[in-house]
Amino acid sequence: MANATTPLLADTRRETDPSSDPLNDSEEDALQGQSRATRTGQSWHIRLREAILFAWALLATTGVLVLAVWASHKQQTAFDKPAGKRNLIFMVSDGMGPASLSLTRSFRQYTEGLEYDDTLTLDKHFWGSSRTRSSSSLVTDSAAGATAFSCGKKSYNGAISMLPDSTPCGTVLEAAKRAGYMTGLVVTTDITDATPACFASHVDIRSQNDDIAVQEVGNGTLGRVVDLMFGGGRCHFLPNGAEGGCREDDIDVVEMAKNEYGWNYIGDRAAFDEFWEGKKEVPLPMLGLFADTDIPFELDRRNMNDVYPSLSEMAKTALRALEKATEGSDQGFFLMIEGSRIDHAGHGNDPAAQVREVLEYDKAFKAVIDFLEEGDTPGVLVATSDHETGGLSVARQVHADYPQYLWYPAVLANASSSSEHLAHRLHGHIAQISENSVDKLKKYINDELVTPGLGIHDASDEELTSLASYPEQAQYLFAHMISIRAQIGWSTHGHSAVDVNIYSSGGPGAEAIRGNVENTDVGKYLREYLKVDVDAITRELNEKMVLKRNLGMIGYEISADTTDDMPSLHAEDHWIAHEQLETTRREP
C-alpha cells in the first residue's frame, strides 16, 4: 500500500515487504501477459513514434518562424504599387551633408529668435540615409551621383548617364516622357551641369556641356524628352562670338530649340515674372535661362531680386505649369528640382553662403509639400543629396588650448555678401586701377569689401596683406575669414564620402528607401513609383548609339574606350573648370 513517502508513479501492485520474494523479470512478464520480446518491440515503436513527433514539431516550428520572418521582410520591402494618375517630385540638395542641416537649423534659430526645438521643414520629413560611393571611387562626384538617381546604376566619376563599359543607360525622366508623363528640370546652376544633364543627356564626361545643351533641347538619340527647364547656363546655348556665349562652336542652341523642337524661350526676370505672378499660363515646352552661368548665391541674389528668380519661385512656377499641362491627362508629371549651389558654397568653404542656400532649399521643399497636400492628384516627394561637399564640421579648434564647445552663428548673420561675390568685385577693381599700391588696395579691401560685405571689423593686417598680394585666392581667403571667426571647420575643398540624408513626404512604396540604402536604391524607387520601363529605354539607346559616337551631333567625336585610361576622361575637377569659366567670362 502506498504511503506518504511513496513516489507518485510507484507500482502499488508490487510487494514492498522486503521479507517477501520479489518476482523475477520472467514471472513479472508472465503475470502481465507479455514476453520480453513483446515488451522490447513495443518500446522501440514508442521511441520511433516519439522521435517522429519531435521531428515534425521541430519542422513545423521552423516553418512558422521562416514564414513569420518572410512575411515581415515582405511587408518592409514589398513595393505597394500606386494606382492611377500620380506626380513625382525629386529634389536634390547638391553637396548637402548632415552637418549642413545642423549648421542651418541653429543659424535659423539664432537669427529668428526661435526655440531649440523649432526645426526646418526638412527635419520633419527625415526618412533615412544614402550611401554615395561611385563605381570608380569611394568619394563620388555629382555626375556619378546623379547617374545613380536617374538610371539606378553605379558609374564612374564624370559619367553623364553612361555606364563603366561606355554604354548609355536610360533615365527615369526619359522613361516617364515615353510613358506619357510631362517632365521638368529646375536648378540654380548651369542647366547643363551634371545633375540636370544626367536626366536628359548621355555623354562620357561632364565637361561636354556644349553637347549636353543640344541634347537637352531635343537633338539627341531620343528626341525631346523635357517639357520645362529653368536655371542658368545661357552661355552654352549661345554661339561662340555672340554676347554672353561660351560655346566652342557657332551653333545657336536657343534658335535651334525654338525652330526645330518647338520650345518657348525666356531669358530674364521680367519675362519670368509674367508666369510667376500668374499673369500668363506657361506654354510648354518652356526653356528659361536666367543667367550666363550660375544663378548667384541666394545671399547675393536677394540683393539682385529684380534680375534673378529664386529656387522656390522657379519651383512653384514649374509645379503650377506641369499641373495645368496634365489636367486632362491620365498621367501626371515628373519634376527634378536641384538646390545646386549648396555644393558650390561647400567647395568654397563659405558657411555664410551655404546656410542661405540650405534655407532657400528648405523653402522650396516646403512649397512642394504644400503643393502635394493641396493638390487633387496623388504624389510623392523624395529628396536627397548626391554627396557632401567640404567636409563641413560645426566646430573648429582655433587655438592650441583645449577646444571650446561652441560656434558663432552671429558671424554668419553679419555677412551680406558671399566670398565669391566679393572676390569678383576685387578682381574687377584690380582690372580697373592703374596704380599698383598694396597699401591702397588693402584699404579698399577693408573699407569696401570686408567691413560691409563680411561684417568683419577686426581684419588683421596679415589677412588684408594676403588678399592684396594673392587676389587669385581671394574667394578662399574671404571664406576663411568668416569660417575661423564663426569657428566652423572644413576638411576639403572637394567632396567627402559621408552618408547623406533622405527626406520624403511618404507614400506608396516609400518604405523601400527607409533606413540606410544605396543611392541606386533611390533611383530604382523613382522608376517603380512611376511604373516606367527604364530598361526598355536603355535597350533603345544602345541599339541607336555606337561605341564611337558623334556626341551631340556637332561635328567632332570622343573615343568611348574607357577601360585603361578612364581617369583621363574625368580628371579635370569640375570646380576648377567652373572657376576658370567664371574668370574668363569676367575678363574685360
Protein backbone atom coordinates (compact mmCIF):
# COMPACT_ATOMS: atom_id res chain seq x y z
CA MET A 1 0.00 0.00 0.00
CA ALA A 2 1.22 3.45 -0.82
CA ASN A 3 2.23 5.76 1.97
CA ALA A 4 3.30 9.36 2.29
CA THR A 5 6.79 8.65 1.03
CA THR A 6 5.79 6.55 -1.95
CA PRO A 7 6.70 8.13 -5.30
CA LEU A 8 3.66 9.22 -7.23
CA LEU A 9 4.32 6.83 -10.08
CA ALA A 10 5.29 3.88 -7.94
CA ASP A 11 3.76 0.46 -8.90
CA THR A 12 1.48 -0.33 -5.93
CA ARG A 13 0.80 -3.79 -7.26
CA ARG A 14 4.29 -4.93 -6.32
CA GLU A 15 5.08 -6.19 -2.86
CA THR A 16 7.13 -3.71 -0.87
CA ASP A 17 7.78 -6.06 2.06
CA PRO A 18 11.49 -6.81 1.94
CA SER A 19 10.89 -10.23 3.53
CA SER A 20 8.81 -11.45 0.60
CA ASP A 21 10.35 -12.94 -2.53
CA PRO A 22 10.20 -10.46 -5.36
CA LEU A 23 9.04 -11.73 -8.75
CA ASN A 24 11.81 -12.12 -11.25
CA ASP A 25 11.53 -10.46 -14.65
CA SER A 26 10.16 -13.56 -16.35
CA GLU A 27 7.47 -14.07 -13.77
CA GLU A 28 6.52 -10.38 -13.92
CA ASP A 29 6.18 -10.57 -17.69
CA ALA A 30 4.15 -13.71 -17.45
CA LEU A 31 1.73 -12.22 -14.95
CA GLN A 32 1.24 -9.22 -17.31
CA GLY A 33 0.73 -11.46 -20.31
CA GLN A 34 3.91 -10.23 -22.00
CA SER A 35 7.10 -11.82 -23.12
CA ARG A 36 10.42 -9.90 -23.05
CA ALA A 37 10.45 -9.78 -26.84
CA THR A 38 6.96 -8.27 -26.94
CA ARG A 39 7.86 -5.57 -24.44
CA THR A 40 11.05 -4.71 -26.30
CA GLY A 41 9.19 -4.40 -29.63
CA GLN A 42 6.58 -2.06 -28.17
CA SER A 43 9.27 0.08 -26.58
CA TRP A 44 11.03 0.50 -29.99
CA HIS A 45 7.80 1.55 -31.68
CA ILE A 46 7.08 4.07 -28.90
CA ARG A 47 10.54 5.60 -29.21
CA LEU A 48 10.20 5.79 -33.01
CA ARG A 49 6.82 7.48 -32.73
CA GLU A 50 8.17 9.98 -30.23
CA ALA A 51 11.13 10.73 -32.49
CA ILE A 52 8.84 11.29 -35.47
CA LEU A 53 6.57 13.56 -33.44
CA PHE A 54 9.56 15.56 -32.22
CA ALA A 55 10.95 15.93 -35.74
CA TRP A 56 7.55 17.02 -37.03
CA ALA A 57 7.16 19.56 -34.25
CA LEU A 58 10.66 20.90 -34.93
CA LEU A 59 9.98 21.24 -38.63
CA ALA A 60 6.61 22.88 -38.03
CA THR A 61 8.12 25.39 -35.60
CA THR A 62 10.93 26.17 -38.04
CA GLY A 63 8.41 26.63 -40.83
CA VAL A 64 6.32 29.02 -38.77
CA LEU A 65 9.41 31.07 -37.89
CA VAL A 66 10.54 31.17 -41.53
CA LEU A 67 7.08 32.27 -42.67
CA ALA A 68 6.98 34.96 -39.99
CA VAL A 69 10.40 36.33 -40.99
CA TRP A 70 9.46 36.21 -44.70
CA ALA A 71 6.16 37.99 -44.08
CA SER A 72 7.90 40.67 -42.03
CA HIS A 73 10.57 41.13 -44.71
CA LYS A 74 7.95 41.28 -47.45
CA GLN A 75 5.94 43.84 -45.52
CA GLN A 76 9.03 46.02 -45.11
CA THR A 77 10.41 45.67 -48.64
CA ALA A 78 7.48 44.91 -50.92
CA PHE A 79 6.51 47.79 -53.16
CA ASP A 80 2.99 48.99 -52.53
CA LYS A 81 2.11 49.78 -56.12
CA PRO A 82 0.30 53.10 -56.58
CA ALA A 83 -2.74 53.14 -58.79
CA GLY A 84 -3.96 55.77 -61.21
CA LYS A 85 -2.59 59.18 -62.06
CA ARG A 86 0.33 60.40 -59.93
CA ASN A 87 3.04 63.05 -59.72
CA LEU A 88 6.63 62.57 -58.58
CA ILE A 89 8.89 65.40 -57.47
CA PHE A 90 12.53 64.50 -56.89
CA MET A 91 14.70 67.08 -55.13
CA VAL A 92 18.49 67.05 -54.99
CA SER A 93 20.41 69.11 -52.44
CA ASP A 94 23.77 69.03 -54.19
CA GLY A 95 26.62 68.82 -51.70
CA MET A 96 24.44 68.97 -48.57
CA GLY A 97 25.52 66.65 -45.78
CA PRO A 98 24.06 66.16 -42.29
CA ALA A 99 26.32 68.88 -40.84
CA SER A 100 24.80 71.43 -43.23
CA LEU A 101 21.41 70.79 -41.63
CA SER A 102 22.79 71.26 -38.13
CA LEU A 103 24.53 74.47 -39.20
CA THR A 104 21.41 75.89 -40.87
CA ARG A 105 18.97 74.80 -38.17
CA SER A 106 20.97 76.56 -35.44
CA PHE A 107 21.56 79.61 -37.66
CA ARG A 108 17.82 79.96 -38.27
CA GLN A 109 17.01 79.57 -34.59
CA TYR A 110 19.54 82.29 -33.76
CA THR A 111 18.55 84.79 -36.44
CA GLU A 112 14.79 84.37 -35.95
CA GLY A 113 14.82 84.05 -32.14
CA LEU A 114 13.32 80.54 -32.19
CA GLU A 115 13.33 77.82 -29.55
CA TYR A 116 15.82 74.98 -29.78
CA ASP A 117 13.12 72.52 -30.88
CA ASP A 118 11.93 74.69 -33.79
CA THR A 119 13.25 72.77 -36.76
CA LEU A 120 13.43 73.00 -40.55
CA THR A 121 10.72 71.59 -42.78
CA LEU A 122 13.29 69.06 -43.96
CA ASP A 123 13.78 67.81 -40.40
CA LYS A 124 10.09 67.00 -40.14
CA HIS A 125 10.31 64.71 -43.18
CA PHE A 126 13.52 62.84 -42.42
CA TRP A 127 13.31 59.39 -43.98
CA GLY A 128 16.72 57.71 -43.98
CA SER A 129 20.24 57.98 -45.36
CA SER A 130 22.07 57.09 -48.54
CA ARG A 131 25.50 55.65 -49.25
CA THR A 132 27.16 57.60 -52.02
CA ARG A 133 30.25 55.88 -53.48
CA SER A 134 30.63 55.60 -57.25
CA SER A 135 31.98 52.68 -59.27
CA SER A 136 35.37 54.37 -59.58
CA SER A 137 35.88 55.94 -56.15
CA LEU A 138 34.76 55.90 -52.53
CA VAL A 139 34.19 59.64 -53.00
CA THR A 140 31.66 60.31 -55.73
CA ASP A 141 31.16 63.35 -57.90
CA SER A 142 27.81 64.84 -58.91
CA ALA A 143 27.80 63.10 -62.30
CA ALA A 144 28.10 59.59 -60.91
CA GLY A 145 25.74 60.52 -58.07
CA ALA A 146 23.07 61.79 -60.45
CA THR A 147 23.52 58.76 -62.72
CA ALA A 148 22.69 56.59 -59.70
CA PHE A 149 19.44 58.55 -59.32
CA SER A 150 18.49 58.81 -62.98
CA CYS A 151 19.49 55.31 -64.13
CA GLY A 152 19.55 53.40 -60.84
CA LYS A 153 23.09 52.27 -61.72
CA LYS A 154 26.58 52.87 -60.33
CA SER A 155 29.02 54.53 -62.69
CA TYR A 156 32.37 56.31 -62.73
CA ASN A 157 33.01 59.89 -61.63
CA GLY A 158 32.28 62.19 -64.54
CA ALA A 159 29.73 59.92 -66.26
CA ILE A 160 26.56 61.56 -67.56
CA SER A 161 24.13 58.62 -67.66
CA MET A 162 26.83 56.39 -69.09
CA LEU A 163 28.00 53.11 -67.55
CA PRO A 164 31.59 51.96 -66.91
CA ASP A 165 31.53 49.94 -70.16
CA SER A 166 30.78 53.20 -72.02
CA THR A 167 27.22 52.28 -72.89
CA PRO A 168 24.30 54.62 -72.17
CA CYS A 169 21.71 53.89 -69.51
CA GLY A 170 18.12 55.02 -69.84
CA THR A 171 16.88 57.56 -67.30
CA VAL A 172 13.70 57.80 -65.28
CA LEU A 173 12.87 61.12 -66.95
CA GLU A 174 13.25 59.65 -70.43
CA ALA A 175 11.11 56.66 -69.50
CA ALA A 176 8.50 58.93 -67.89
CA LYS A 177 8.26 61.03 -71.05
CA ARG A 178 7.88 57.88 -73.15
CA ALA A 179 5.07 56.72 -70.84
CA GLY A 180 3.12 59.97 -71.29
CA TYR A 181 4.24 61.98 -68.26
CA MET A 182 5.18 65.64 -68.53
CA THR A 183 8.73 66.33 -67.35
CA GLY A 184 10.73 69.22 -65.93
CA LEU A 185 14.14 70.30 -64.62
CA VAL A 186 14.65 73.24 -62.24
CA VAL A 187 18.13 74.20 -61.00
CA THR A 188 20.10 77.19 -59.75
CA THR A 189 23.29 76.29 -61.57
CA ASP A 190 24.05 75.85 -65.26
CA ILE A 191 21.24 73.68 -66.71
CA THR A 192 23.98 71.66 -68.48
CA ASP A 193 25.69 70.88 -65.18
CA ALA A 194 25.99 67.27 -64.04
CA THR A 195 22.75 66.74 -62.12
CA PRO A 196 20.23 68.02 -64.67
CA ALA A 197 22.34 66.65 -67.52
CA CYS A 198 22.09 63.12 -66.15
CA PHE A 199 18.32 63.09 -66.59
CA ALA A 200 18.18 64.22 -70.22
CA SER A 201 21.51 63.52 -71.96
CA HIS A 202 24.27 60.95 -72.36
CA VAL A 203 27.96 61.88 -72.65
CA ASP A 204 31.19 60.30 -71.43
CA ILE A 205 32.41 63.25 -69.39
CA ARG A 206 30.55 66.02 -67.64
CA SER A 207 32.66 68.80 -69.18
CA GLN A 208 30.94 68.26 -72.56
CA ASN A 209 28.44 71.00 -71.73
CA ASP A 210 28.02 72.05 -75.37
CA ASP A 211 26.89 68.54 -76.30
CA ILE A 212 24.62 68.33 -73.28
CA ALA A 213 22.87 71.57 -74.26
CA VAL A 214 21.87 70.33 -77.72
CA GLN A 215 20.69 67.01 -76.32
CA GLU A 216 18.60 68.67 -73.63
CA VAL A 217 16.59 70.66 -76.17
CA GLY A 218 15.94 67.56 -78.28
CA ASN A 219 18.90 67.00 -80.60
CA GLY A 220 19.72 63.58 -79.17
CA THR A 221 19.01 59.90 -79.67
CA LEU A 222 15.51 60.01 -78.18
CA GLY A 223 14.49 63.48 -79.37
CA ARG A 224 12.98 65.97 -76.94
CA VAL A 225 12.28 64.41 -73.54
CA VAL A 226 11.97 67.54 -71.34
CA ASP A 227 8.96 69.88 -71.27
CA LEU A 228 10.26 72.58 -68.94
CA MET A 229 13.75 73.76 -67.97
CA PHE A 230 14.51 76.63 -65.59
CA GLY A 231 18.01 77.59 -64.50
CA GLY A 232 21.27 79.20 -65.60
CA GLY A 233 23.85 78.26 -68.22
CA ARG A 234 22.71 80.51 -71.04
CA CYS A 235 26.27 80.79 -72.39
CA HIS A 236 26.23 77.14 -73.53
CA PHE A 237 23.15 77.85 -75.63
CA LEU A 238 24.63 80.85 -77.48
CA PRO A 239 27.17 80.61 -80.31
CA ASN A 240 30.83 81.40 -79.93
CA GLY A 241 31.32 85.12 -80.51
CA ALA A 242 27.81 86.12 -79.50
CA GLU A 243 27.41 88.33 -76.45
CA GLY A 244 27.26 86.07 -73.43
CA GLY A 245 28.12 82.96 -75.46
CA CYS A 246 30.73 80.42 -74.37
CA ARG A 247 30.23 77.55 -76.81
CA GLU A 248 33.21 76.29 -78.78
CA ASP A 249 31.19 76.29 -82.00
CA ASP A 250 28.82 78.67 -83.78
CA ILE A 251 25.58 76.79 -83.05
CA ASP A 252 22.77 78.94 -81.63
CA VAL A 253 21.04 76.35 -79.46
CA VAL A 254 18.30 78.78 -78.40
CA GLU A 255 17.29 79.23 -82.04
CA MET A 256 17.62 75.50 -82.63
CA ALA A 257 15.33 74.85 -79.67
CA LYS A 258 12.69 77.28 -80.90
CA ASN A 259 12.77 76.48 -84.61
CA GLU A 260 13.39 72.73 -84.62
CA TYR A 261 11.87 71.48 -81.37
CA GLY A 262 9.10 73.97 -80.61
CA TRP A 263 10.49 75.47 -77.41
CA ASN A 264 9.27 78.74 -75.97
CA TYR A 265 12.14 80.77 -74.54
CA ILE A 266 12.54 83.38 -71.79
CA GLY A 267 15.84 84.82 -70.68
CA ASP A 268 15.24 87.37 -67.93
CA ARG A 269 13.38 88.07 -64.72
CA ALA A 270 10.82 90.32 -66.35
CA ALA A 271 9.66 87.57 -68.70
CA PHE A 272 9.65 85.04 -65.85
CA ASP A 273 7.52 87.30 -63.65
CA GLU A 274 4.65 87.18 -66.14
CA PHE A 275 4.35 83.48 -65.28
CA TRP A 276 5.45 83.72 -61.64
CA GLU A 277 2.84 86.35 -60.87
CA GLY A 278 0.17 84.41 -62.72
CA LYS A 279 -0.36 86.95 -65.50
CA LYS A 280 0.09 84.21 -68.09
CA GLU A 281 -0.04 80.45 -68.25
CA VAL A 282 3.30 78.83 -69.02
CA PRO A 283 3.34 77.49 -72.59
CA LEU A 284 5.19 74.20 -72.90
CA PRO A 285 7.82 73.29 -73.80
CA MET A 286 9.42 76.18 -71.92
CA LEU A 287 13.13 76.99 -71.71
CA GLY A 288 14.03 79.64 -69.14
CA LEU A 289 17.72 80.58 -68.83
CA PHE A 290 18.20 83.41 -66.36
CA ALA A 291 22.00 83.66 -66.04
CA ASP A 292 25.01 83.27 -68.28
CA THR A 293 26.44 80.64 -65.94
CA ASP A 294 25.04 80.08 -62.44
CA ILE A 295 22.28 81.99 -60.71
CA PRO A 296 24.07 83.86 -57.88
CA PHE A 297 24.18 82.52 -54.34
CA GLU A 298 20.95 83.30 -52.50
CA LEU A 299 22.96 85.55 -50.17
CA ASP A 300 23.77 87.73 -53.21
CA ARG A 301 20.67 87.05 -55.32
CA ARG A 302 18.33 88.59 -52.77
CA ASN A 303 20.14 91.88 -53.44
CA MET A 304 19.52 91.35 -57.16
CA ASN A 305 15.97 90.07 -56.92
CA ASP A 306 14.92 92.14 -59.91
CA VAL A 307 17.43 90.24 -62.08
CA TYR A 308 17.25 86.61 -60.97
CA PRO A 309 14.38 84.40 -59.74
CA SER A 310 14.91 82.23 -56.65
CA LEU A 311 14.82 78.44 -56.45
CA SER A 312 11.47 78.42 -54.64
CA GLU A 313 9.95 80.82 -57.19
CA MET A 314 11.08 78.68 -60.10
CA ALA A 315 9.89 75.51 -58.34
CA LYS A 316 6.42 76.91 -57.65
CA THR A 317 6.08 78.16 -61.22
CA ALA A 318 7.14 74.78 -62.61
CA LEU A 319 4.71 72.92 -60.35
CA ARG A 320 1.79 75.09 -61.49
CA ALA A 321 2.77 74.78 -65.14
CA LEU A 322 3.08 71.00 -65.09
CA GLU A 323 -0.09 70.60 -63.06
CA LYS A 324 -2.00 72.70 -65.58
CA ALA A 325 -0.49 70.82 -68.53
CA THR A 326 -1.60 67.45 -67.13
CA GLU A 327 -5.14 68.42 -66.10
CA GLY A 328 -6.78 66.37 -68.84
CA SER A 329 -4.20 63.59 -68.92
CA ASP A 330 -4.24 60.10 -67.44
CA GLN A 331 -0.61 60.64 -66.47
CA GLY A 332 0.90 63.20 -64.14
CA PHE A 333 4.41 64.67 -64.20
CA PHE A 334 7.97 64.07 -63.09
CA LEU A 335 9.91 67.11 -61.90
CA MET A 336 13.51 67.25 -60.71
CA ILE A 337 14.42 70.28 -58.57
CA GLU A 338 18.01 70.88 -57.51
CA GLY A 339 19.39 73.19 -54.85
CA SER A 340 22.56 73.31 -56.91
CA ARG A 341 24.69 75.90 -55.20
CA ILE A 342 24.81 74.32 -51.74
CA ASP A 343 27.61 72.37 -53.37
CA HIS A 344 29.41 75.50 -54.60
CA ALA A 345 29.32 77.03 -51.12
CA GLY A 346 30.89 73.84 -49.81
CA HIS A 347 33.62 73.91 -52.46
CA GLY A 348 34.38 77.49 -51.48
CA ASN A 349 34.19 76.65 -47.75
CA ASP A 350 31.77 79.57 -47.34
CA PRO A 351 29.39 78.91 -44.41
CA ALA A 352 27.59 82.24 -44.76
CA ALA A 353 26.61 81.40 -48.35
CA GLN A 354 25.76 77.81 -47.51
CA VAL A 355 23.23 78.48 -44.76
CA ARG A 356 21.26 80.78 -47.07
CA GLU A 357 21.34 78.15 -49.82
CA VAL A 358 20.01 75.48 -47.45
CA LEU A 359 17.30 77.82 -46.15
CA GLU A 360 16.13 78.52 -49.70
CA TYR A 361 16.18 74.80 -50.48
CA ASP A 362 14.11 74.18 -47.35
CA LYS A 363 11.67 76.85 -48.58
CA ALA A 364 11.37 75.10 -51.95
CA PHE A 365 10.90 71.76 -50.16
CA LYS A 366 8.01 73.23 -48.16
CA ALA A 367 6.47 74.60 -51.36
CA VAL A 368 6.43 71.08 -52.80
CA ILE A 369 4.95 69.61 -49.62
CA ASP A 370 2.20 72.24 -49.67
CA PHE A 371 1.55 71.54 -53.36
CA LEU A 372 1.10 67.83 -52.69
CA GLU A 373 -1.16 68.41 -49.71
CA GLU A 374 -3.35 70.90 -51.55
CA GLY A 375 -3.48 69.15 -54.93
CA ASP A 376 -6.05 66.68 -56.19
CA THR A 377 -3.57 64.33 -57.82
CA PRO A 378 -1.68 61.92 -55.53
CA GLY A 379 2.05 62.42 -55.48
CA VAL A 380 5.28 61.74 -53.66
CA LEU A 381 8.27 63.93 -52.84
CA VAL A 382 11.68 62.29 -52.47
CA ALA A 383 14.71 64.41 -51.63
CA THR A 384 18.35 63.55 -51.06
CA SER A 385 21.90 64.69 -51.81
CA ASP A 386 24.34 63.28 -54.32
CA HIS A 387 27.22 63.74 -51.84
CA GLU A 388 28.56 66.03 -49.14
CA THR A 389 30.94 68.84 -50.06
CA GLY A 390 33.65 70.47 -47.97
CA GLY A 391 33.87 68.05 -45.08
CA LEU A 392 31.92 70.58 -43.00
CA SER A 393 32.27 70.47 -39.23
CA VAL A 394 30.08 72.60 -36.98
CA ALA A 395 33.03 73.28 -34.67
CA ARG A 396 36.62 74.36 -35.07
CA GLN A 397 39.65 74.38 -32.81
CA VAL A 398 41.30 77.73 -33.45
CA HIS A 399 43.90 77.64 -30.66
CA ALA A 400 46.32 75.07 -29.25
CA ASP A 401 44.47 75.19 -25.93
CA TYR A 402 41.65 72.78 -25.10
CA PRO A 403 38.91 73.39 -27.72
CA GLN A 404 35.85 75.47 -26.95
CA TYR A 405 32.47 73.78 -27.26
CA LEU A 406 30.74 76.43 -29.33
CA TRP A 407 30.35 78.15 -32.67
CA TYR A 408 29.09 81.63 -33.52
CA PRO A 409 26.08 81.93 -35.87
CA ALA A 410 26.19 85.72 -35.44
CA VAL A 411 29.31 85.84 -37.62
CA LEU A 412 27.36 84.27 -40.49
CA ALA A 413 24.40 86.54 -39.86
CA ASN A 414 26.62 89.63 -40.21
CA ALA A 415 27.69 88.70 -43.75
CA SER A 416 25.71 90.33 -46.55
CA SER A 417 27.75 89.02 -49.50
CA SER A 418 29.28 85.70 -50.44
CA SER A 419 33.03 85.25 -50.65
CA GLU A 420 32.55 84.55 -54.37
CA HIS A 421 30.83 87.89 -54.97
CA LEU A 422 33.45 89.80 -53.01
CA ALA A 423 36.25 88.07 -54.91
CA HIS A 424 34.64 89.05 -58.22
CA ARG A 425 34.41 92.66 -57.05
CA LEU A 426 38.06 92.63 -56.04
CA HIS A 427 39.12 91.22 -59.41
CA GLY A 428 37.06 93.86 -61.19
CA HIS A 429 38.60 96.65 -59.11
CA ILE A 430 42.16 95.46 -59.77
CA ALA A 431 41.43 95.30 -63.51
CA GLN A 432 40.39 98.97 -63.47
CA ILE A 433 43.16 100.55 -61.40
CA SER A 434 46.48 101.57 -62.90
CA GLU A 435 48.41 102.25 -59.70
CA ASN A 436 49.82 99.10 -58.12
CA SER A 437 49.85 100.15 -54.44
CA VAL A 438 49.44 97.36 -51.91
CA ASP A 439 48.55 99.79 -49.12
CA LYS A 440 45.80 101.45 -51.15
CA LEU A 441 44.50 98.07 -52.22
CA LYS A 442 44.42 96.88 -48.61
CA LYS A 443 42.38 99.94 -47.65
CA TYR A 444 39.91 99.29 -50.49
CA ILE A 445 39.60 95.65 -49.46
CA ASN A 446 38.93 96.51 -45.84
CA ASP A 447 36.65 99.51 -46.36
CA GLU A 448 34.67 98.34 -49.40
CA LEU A 449 34.63 94.56 -49.13
CA VAL A 450 35.49 93.10 -45.73
CA THR A 451 33.63 95.51 -43.45
CA PRO A 452 30.39 95.97 -45.40
CA GLY A 453 30.37 92.57 -47.15
CA LEU A 454 31.52 90.20 -44.41
CA GLY A 455 30.54 92.32 -41.43
CA ILE A 456 34.07 91.91 -40.06
CA HIS A 457 35.55 94.92 -38.28
CA ASP A 458 38.73 93.38 -36.92
CA ALA A 459 40.54 92.20 -40.05
CA SER A 460 44.23 91.74 -39.31
CA ASP A 461 46.98 93.33 -41.34
CA GLU A 462 48.14 89.82 -42.24
CA GLU A 463 44.70 88.96 -43.67
CA LEU A 464 44.48 92.16 -45.69
CA THR A 465 48.04 91.75 -46.99
CA SER A 466 47.26 88.21 -48.15
CA LEU A 467 44.18 89.42 -50.02
CA ALA A 468 46.11 92.25 -51.69
CA SER A 469 49.08 90.07 -52.56
CA TYR A 470 47.20 86.99 -53.76
CA PRO A 471 43.91 88.21 -55.24
CA GLU A 472 43.56 84.98 -57.22
CA GLN A 473 42.98 83.28 -53.83
CA ALA A 474 40.53 85.93 -52.66
CA GLN A 475 37.44 83.71 -52.59
CA TYR A 476 39.10 81.20 -50.28
CA LEU A 477 40.68 83.93 -48.13
CA PHE A 478 37.36 85.76 -47.64
CA ALA A 479 35.65 82.48 -46.75
CA HIS A 480 38.41 81.60 -44.30
CA MET A 481 37.94 84.91 -42.50
CA ILE A 482 34.29 84.06 -41.94
CA SER A 483 34.84 80.41 -41.02
CA ILE A 484 37.57 80.96 -38.47
CA ARG A 485 35.61 83.69 -36.65
CA ALA A 486 32.46 81.56 -36.62
CA GLN A 487 34.58 78.55 -35.57
CA ILE A 488 33.32 76.46 -38.48
CA GLY A 489 35.65 73.76 -39.77
CA TRP A 490 36.28 72.29 -43.22
CA SER A 491 38.43 69.34 -44.24
CA THR A 492 38.47 69.77 -48.04
CA HIS A 493 37.53 72.00 -50.97
CA GLY A 494 36.21 68.86 -52.65
CA HIS A 495 33.65 66.20 -51.82
CA SER A 496 33.58 63.74 -48.93
CA ALA A 497 32.33 60.16 -48.60
CA VAL A 498 29.89 60.78 -45.73
CA ASP A 499 26.38 59.29 -45.97
CA VAL A 500 23.71 61.85 -46.82
CA ASN A 501 20.12 62.21 -45.64
CA ILE A 502 16.96 61.16 -47.45
CA TYR A 503 13.71 63.08 -46.96
CA SER A 504 10.24 62.22 -48.19
CA SER A 505 6.58 63.09 -47.97
CA GLY A 506 5.93 59.36 -47.73
CA GLY A 507 3.64 57.43 -50.00
CA PRO A 508 3.21 54.13 -51.81
CA GLY A 509 6.37 52.06 -51.64
CA ALA A 510 8.43 54.73 -49.89
CA GLU A 511 9.40 52.20 -47.21
CA ALA A 512 11.81 50.83 -49.82
CA ILE A 513 14.11 53.80 -49.19
CA ARG A 514 13.78 53.90 -45.40
CA GLY A 515 16.85 53.30 -43.30
CA ASN A 516 20.32 53.27 -44.82
CA VAL A 517 20.25 52.47 -48.55
CA GLU A 518 22.43 52.77 -51.65
CA ASN A 519 21.97 55.84 -53.84
CA THR A 520 20.93 53.44 -56.61
CA ASP A 521 18.01 52.30 -54.45
CA VAL A 522 16.68 55.85 -54.63
CA GLY A 523 16.90 55.69 -58.41
CA LYS A 524 15.12 52.34 -58.50
CA TYR A 525 12.31 53.69 -56.34
CA LEU A 526 11.70 56.61 -58.70
CA ARG A 527 11.08 54.31 -61.66
CA GLU A 528 9.00 51.87 -59.62
CA TYR A 529 6.75 54.60 -58.27
CA LEU A 530 6.09 55.92 -61.77
CA LYS A 531 5.76 52.37 -63.19
CA VAL A 532 8.00 53.22 -66.14
CA ASP A 533 10.29 50.91 -68.12
CA VAL A 534 13.78 52.38 -67.86
CA ASP A 535 15.34 49.15 -69.15
CA ALA A 536 13.45 49.50 -72.44
CA ILE A 537 14.92 53.00 -72.85
CA THR A 538 18.38 51.59 -72.17
CA ARG A 539 17.93 48.94 -74.86
CA GLU A 540 16.73 51.55 -77.35
CA LEU A 541 19.69 53.83 -76.61
CA ASN A 542 22.16 51.00 -77.04
CA GLU A 543 20.62 50.00 -80.33
CA LYS A 544 20.94 53.54 -81.68
CA MET A 545 24.27 54.62 -80.19
CA VAL A 546 27.59 53.11 -81.29
CA LEU A 547 30.76 52.96 -79.21
CA LYS A 548 32.38 55.77 -81.17
CA ARG A 549 29.70 58.45 -81.11
CA ASN A 550 29.23 61.82 -82.65
CA LEU A 551 28.34 63.37 -79.30
CA GLY A 552 25.56 65.91 -79.58
CA MET A 553 25.87 65.74 -83.37
CA ILE A 554 28.04 68.85 -83.54
CA GLY A 555 30.90 67.62 -85.65
CA TYR A 556 33.55 66.00 -83.50
CA GLU A 557 33.97 62.64 -81.83
CA ILE A 558 35.15 61.50 -78.43
CA SER A 559 36.55 57.99 -78.07
CA ALA A 560 34.36 55.71 -75.99
CA ASP A 561 37.24 53.49 -74.90
CA THR A 562 37.09 53.91 -71.12
CA THR A 563 38.90 50.80 -69.94
CA ASP A 564 42.57 51.61 -69.39
CA ASP A 565 42.58 55.40 -69.29
CA MET A 566 39.27 56.03 -67.51
CA PRO A 567 40.77 58.65 -65.16
CA SER A 568 41.83 60.80 -68.11
CA LEU A 569 38.20 61.22 -69.14
CA HIS A 570 37.23 62.98 -65.98
CA ALA A 571 40.47 64.04 -64.38
CA GLU A 572 39.65 67.73 -64.59
CA ASP A 573 37.92 68.78 -61.40
CA HIS A 574 34.56 70.38 -62.14
CA TRP A 575 35.03 73.12 -59.55
CA ILE A 576 38.33 74.17 -61.14
CA ALA A 577 36.62 74.21 -64.53
CA HIS A 578 33.80 76.29 -63.06
CA GLU A 579 36.22 78.83 -61.60
CA GLN A 580 38.15 79.06 -64.88
CA LEU A 581 34.94 79.71 -66.82
CA GLU A 582 33.86 82.40 -64.36
CA THR A 583 37.28 84.08 -64.57
CA THR A 584 37.31 84.01 -68.37
CA ARG A 585 33.75 85.30 -68.61
CA ARG A 586 34.51 88.31 -66.42
CA GLU A 587 37.73 89.32 -68.13
CA PRO A 588 37.33 92.76 -69.80
